[in-house]
Amino acid sequence: MRGEALGHLAVRQGANVRFAKTSRILADLAGGHADRTWAKRIRELVRPDVLIRDDFAMRQLTAAQADDLYELVSERQGRSLIITSNRAPSDWYPLFPNPVVAESLLDRLINTSHQVIMNGPSFQPNKHPKSHTDKPPIS
């Protein structure tokens, strides 16, 4: 939700914005390797004034995914990139299979960014079903 709100603000100020979950971006780029449209797909991700990648670092990456992220960040250098994550940046390194790619990519992300750390309860509605112990007693 935080990334979407920043995207809405950027749109209101006239920016071209693209918002997508990181997993969806990676799947799209993987499809580009399969059908030989990778260059076109990466250009589409570089084009917007602001690219918002939601849910970054949710799971370990494959070597191909890490390479795609590296290329995307490299191509967008100097352009606005917003990343939301539930993990601290220091926890991102082990998710990359190649420490050299991790260091290079994360150095570009972390050392050239403004970080906003938000702590507190989630703004996501609680969608978990209540357990049977949460039911009021029957009289």
C-alpha atoms as a PDB file:
ATOM      1  CA  MET A   1       0.000   0.000   0.000  1.00  0.00           C
ATOM      2  CA  ARG A   2       2.862   2.419   0.742  1.00  0.00           C
ATOM      3  CA  GLY A   3       4.288   2.044  -2.766  1.00  0.00           C
ATOM      4  CA  GLU A   4       0.902   2.538  -4.348  1.00  0.00           C
ATOM      5  CA  ALA A   5       0.370   5.742  -2.370  1.00  0.00           C
ATOM      6  CA  LEU A   6       3.743   7.097  -3.533  1.00  0.00           C
ATOM      7  CA  GLY A   7       2.814   6.134  -7.091  1.00  0.00           C
ATOM      8  CA  HIS A   8      -0.505   7.997  -6.862  1.00  0.00           C
ATOM      9  CA  LEU A   9       1.324  11.067  -5.571  1.00  0.00           C
ATOM     10  CA  ALA A  10       3.817  10.905  -8.458  1.00  0.00           C
ATOM     11  CA  VAL A  11       0.995  10.556 -11.013  1.00  0.00           C
ATOM     12  CA  ARG A  12      -0.748  13.615  -9.542  1.00  0.00           C
ATOM     13  CA  GLN A  13       2.501  15.516 -10.095  1.00  0.00           C
ATOM     14  CA  GLY A  14       2.580  14.475 -13.758  1.00  0.00           C
ATOM     15  CA  ALA A  15       4.971  11.507 -13.650  1.00  0.00           C
ATOM     16  CA  ASN A  16       4.554   8.356 -15.701  1.00  0.00           C
ATOM     17  CA  VAL A  17       4.476   5.535 -13.130  1.00  0.00           C
ATOM     18  CA  ARG A  18       4.547   1.755 -13.350  1.00  0.00           C
ATOM     19  CA  PHE A  19       3.760  -0.351 -10.286  1.00  0.00           C
ATOM     20  CA  ALA A  20       4.328  -4.111 -10.155  1.00  0.00           C
ATOM     21  CA  LYS A  21       5.218  -6.800  -7.690  1.00  0.00           C
ATOM     22  CA  THR A  22       8.851  -7.803  -8.022  1.00  0.00           C
ATOM     23  CA  SER A  23       7.830 -11.422  -8.648  1.00  0.00           C
ATOM     24  CA  ARG A  24       5.683 -10.301 -11.590  1.00  0.00           C
ATOM     25  CA  ILE A  25       8.524  -8.250 -13.076  1.00  0.00           C
ATOM     26  CA  LEU A  26      10.856 -11.233 -12.792  1.00  0.00           C
ATOM     27  CA  ALA A  27       8.287 -13.563 -14.395  1.00  0.00           C
ATOM     28  CA  ASP A  28       7.783 -11.085 -17.232  1.00  0.00           C
ATOM     29  CA  LEU A  29      11.517 -10.837 -17.873  1.00  0.00           C
ATOM     30  CA  ALA A  30      11.864 -14.627 -17.752  1.00  0.00           C
ATOM     31  CA  GLY A  31       9.173 -14.820 -20.422  1.00  0.00           C
ATOM     32  CA  GLY A  32      11.240 -12.419 -22.485  1.00  0.00           C
ATOM     33  CA  HIS A  33      14.177 -14.813 -22.363  1.00  0.00           C
ATOM     34  CA  ALA A  34      11.885 -17.598 -23.542  1.00  0.00           C
ATOM     35  CA  ASP A  35      10.344 -15.750 -26.491  1.00  0.00           C
ATOM     36  CA  ARG A  36      13.309 -13.486 -27.305  1.00  0.00           C
ATOM     37  CA  THR A  37      11.526 -10.273 -26.317  1.00  0.00           C
ATOM     38  CA  TRP A  38      13.691  -9.594 -23.256  1.00  0.00           C
ATOM     39  CA  ALA A  39      15.210  -6.388 -24.668  1.00  0.00           C
ATOM     40  CA  LYS A  40      11.755  -4.998 -25.446  1.00  0.00           C
ATOM     41  CA  ARG A  41      10.474  -5.932 -21.997  1.00  0.00           C
ATOM     42  CA  ILE A  42      13.420  -4.344 -20.194  1.00  0.00           C
ATOM     43  CA  ARG A  43      12.930  -1.134 -22.233  1.00  0.00           C
ATOM     44  CA  GLU A  44       9.299  -1.053 -21.057  1.00  0.00           C
ATOM     45  CA  LEU A  45      10.505  -1.217 -17.449  1.00  0.00           C
ATOM     46  CA  VAL A  46      13.115   1.488 -17.999  1.00  0.00           C
ATOM     47  CA  ARG A  47      10.702   3.883 -19.723  1.00  0.00           C
ATOM     48  CA  PRO A  48       8.493   5.148 -16.836  1.00  0.00           C
ATOM     49  CA  ASP A  49       9.607   8.158 -14.804  1.00  0.00           C
ATOM     50  CA  VAL A  50       8.991   6.103 -11.671  1.00  0.00           C
ATOM     51  CA  LEU A  51       9.117   2.314 -11.359  1.00  0.00           C
ATOM     52  CA  ILE A  52       7.697   0.849  -8.166  1.00  0.00           C
ATOM     53  CA  ARG A  53       8.738  -2.705  -7.291  1.00  0.00           C
ATOM     54  CA  ASP A  54       6.569  -4.040  -4.535  1.00  0.00           C
ATOM     55  CA  ASP A  55       7.479  -6.923  -2.218  1.00  0.00           C
ATOM     56  CA  PHE A  56      11.194  -6.936  -3.027  1.00  0.00           C
ATOM     57  CA  ALA A  57      13.282  -9.691  -1.384  1.00  0.00           C
ATOM     58  CA  MET A  58      10.387 -11.946  -0.501  1.00  0.00           C
ATOM     59  CA  ARG A  59      12.271 -15.126  -1.441  1.00  0.00           C
ATOM     60  CA  GLN A  60      15.606 -16.372  -2.718  1.00  0.00           C
ATOM     61  CA  LEU A  61      16.432 -15.540  -6.315  1.00  0.00           C
ATOM     62  CA  THR A  62      17.739 -17.729  -9.077  1.00  0.00           C
ATOM     63  CA  ALA A  63      20.900 -16.667 -10.887  1.00  0.00           C
ATOM     64  CA  ALA A  64      18.819 -15.576 -13.898  1.00  0.00           C
ATOM     65  CA  GLN A  65      16.477 -13.502 -11.716  1.00  0.00           C
ATOM     66  CA  ALA A  66      19.416 -11.830  -9.969  1.00  0.00           C
ATOM     67  CA  ASP A  67      20.984 -11.021 -13.349  1.00  0.00           C
ATOM     68  CA  ASP A  68      17.700  -9.564 -14.600  1.00  0.00           C
ATOM     69  CA  LEU A  69      17.388  -7.375 -11.501  1.00  0.00           C
ATOM     70  CA  TYR A  70      20.963  -6.203 -11.950  1.00  0.00           C
ATOM     71  CA  GLU A  71      20.295  -5.258 -15.574  1.00  0.00           C
ATOM     72  CA  LEU A  72      17.063  -3.478 -14.664  1.00  0.00           C
ATOM     73  CA  VAL A  73      18.678  -1.423 -11.904  1.00  0.00           C
ATOM     74  CA  SER A  74      21.675  -0.635 -14.121  1.00  0.00           C
ATOM     75  CA  GLU A  75      19.452   0.496 -16.989  1.00  0.00           C
ATOM     76  CA  ARG A  76      17.334   2.667 -14.677  1.00  0.00           C
ATOM     77  CA  GLN A  77      20.348   4.366 -13.097  1.00  0.00           C
ATOM     78  CA  GLY A  78      19.463   8.004 -12.530  1.00  0.00           C
ATOM     79  CA  ARG A  79      15.726   7.329 -12.788  1.00  0.00           C
ATOM     80  CA  SER A  80      13.333   6.996  -9.871  1.00  0.00           C
ATOM     81  CA  LEU A  81      12.928   3.517  -8.455  1.00  0.00           C
ATOM     82  CA  ILE A  82      10.818   2.774  -5.397  1.00  0.00           C
ATOM     83  CA  ILE A  83      11.230  -0.565  -3.684  1.00  0.00           C
ATOM     84  CA  THR A  84       9.046  -1.855  -0.880  1.00  0.00           C
ATOM     85  CA  SER A  85      10.191  -4.740   1.245  1.00  0.00           C
ATOM     86  CA  ASN A  86       9.335  -6.416   4.508  1.00  0.00           C
ATOM     87  CA  ARG A  87      13.027  -7.126   5.090  1.00  0.00           C
ATOM     88  CA  ALA A  88      15.868  -4.854   6.094  1.00  0.00           C
ATOM     89  CA  PRO A  89      18.396  -4.207   3.302  1.00  0.00           C
ATOM     90  CA  SER A  90      21.042  -6.091   5.291  1.00  0.00           C
ATOM     91  CA  ASP A  91      18.838  -9.199   4.966  1.00  0.00           C
ATOM     92  CA  TRP A  92      18.763  -8.988   1.150  1.00  0.00           C
ATOM     93  CA  TYR A  93      22.310 -10.231   0.506  1.00  0.00           C
ATOM     94  CA  PRO A  94      21.732 -13.933   1.299  1.00  0.00           C
ATOM     95  CA  LEU A  95      18.832 -14.051  -1.176  1.00  0.00           C
ATOM     96  CA  PHE A  96      21.248 -13.762  -4.106  1.00  0.00           C
ATOM     97  CA  PRO A  97      23.058 -16.870  -5.367  1.00  0.00           C
ATOM     98  CA  ASN A  98      26.126 -14.927  -6.520  1.00  0.00           C
ATOM     99  CA  PRO A  99      27.688 -12.635  -3.899  1.00  0.00           C
ATOM    100  CA  VAL A 100      29.384 -10.502  -6.566  1.00  0.00           C
ATOM    101  CA  VAL A 101      26.061  -9.749  -8.275  1.00  0.00           C
ATOM    102  CA  ALA A 102      24.456  -9.135  -4.880  1.00  0.00           C
ATOM    103  CA  GLU A 103      27.160  -6.685  -3.823  1.00  0.00           C
ATOM    104  CA  SER A 104      27.085  -4.778  -7.101  1.00  0.00           C
ATOM    105  CA  LEU A 105      23.298  -4.600  -7.340  1.00  0.00           C
ATOM    106  CA  LEU A 106      22.647  -3.813  -3.701  1.00  0.00           C
ATOM    107  CA  ASP A 107      25.453  -1.268  -3.614  1.00  0.00           C
ATOM    108  CA  ARG A 108      23.678   0.589  -6.414  1.00  0.00           C
ATOM    109  CA  LEU A 109      20.340   0.350  -4.620  1.00  0.00           C
ATOM    110  CA  ILE A 110      21.304   0.994  -1.029  1.00  0.00           C
ATOM    111  CA  ASN A 111      24.074   3.574  -1.381  1.00  0.00           C
ATOM    112  CA  THR A 112      22.190   5.803  -3.809  1.00  0.00           C
ATOM    113  CA  SER A 113      18.823   5.688  -2.077  1.00  0.00           C
ATOM    114  CA  HIS A 114      16.757   7.386   0.543  1.00  0.00           C
ATOM    115  CA  GLN A 115      15.495   4.764   2.947  1.00  0.00           C
ATOM    116  CA  VAL A 116      12.244   5.103   4.815  1.00  0.00           C
ATOM    117  CA  ILE A 117      11.876   2.526   7.566  1.00  0.00           C
ATOM    118  CA  MET A 118       8.328   2.046   8.759  1.00  0.00           C
ATOM    119  CA  ASN A 119       7.620   0.058  11.879  1.00  0.00           C
ATOM    120  CA  GLY A 120       4.257  -0.688  13.336  1.00  0.00           C
ATOM    121  CA  PRO A 121       1.169  -2.686  12.579  1.00  0.00           C
ATOM    122  CA  SER A 122       0.348  -3.636   9.033  1.00  0.00           C
ATOM    123  CA  PHE A 123      -2.130  -1.531   7.143  1.00  0.00           C
ATOM    124  CA  GLN A 124      -3.289  -4.635   5.321  1.00  0.00           C
ATOM    125  CA  PRO A 125      -6.663  -5.858   6.562  1.00  0.00           C
ATOM    126  CA  ASN A 126      -6.421  -9.014   8.585  1.00  0.00           C
ATOM    127  CA  LYS A 127      -7.733 -11.641   6.177  1.00  0.00           C
ATOM    128  CA  HIS A 128      -6.927 -14.657   8.300  1.00  0.00           C
ATOM    129  CA  PRO A 129      -9.994 -16.545   9.446  1.00  0.00           C
ATOM    130  CA  LYS A 130     -10.604 -16.255  13.136  1.00  0.00           C
ATOM    131  CA  SER A 131      -9.850 -19.353  15.093  1.00  0.00           C
ATOM    132  CA  HIS A 132     -12.630 -21.182  16.807  1.00  0.00           C
ATOM    133  CA  THR A 133     -11.325 -19.898  20.159  1.00  0.00           C
ATOM    134  CA  ASP A 134     -12.117 -16.320  19.078  1.00  0.00           C
ATOM    135  CA  LYS A 135     -15.847 -17.061  18.910  1.00  0.00           C
ATOM    136  CA  PRO A 136     -17.970 -15.796  21.750  1.00  0.00           C
ATOM    137  CA  PRO A 137     -19.272 -18.517  24.054  1.00  0.00           C
ATOM    138  CA  ILE A 138     -22.740 -19.832  23.295  1.00  0.00           C
ATOM    139  CA  SER A 139     -25.193 -19.203  26.139  1.00  0.00           C
END
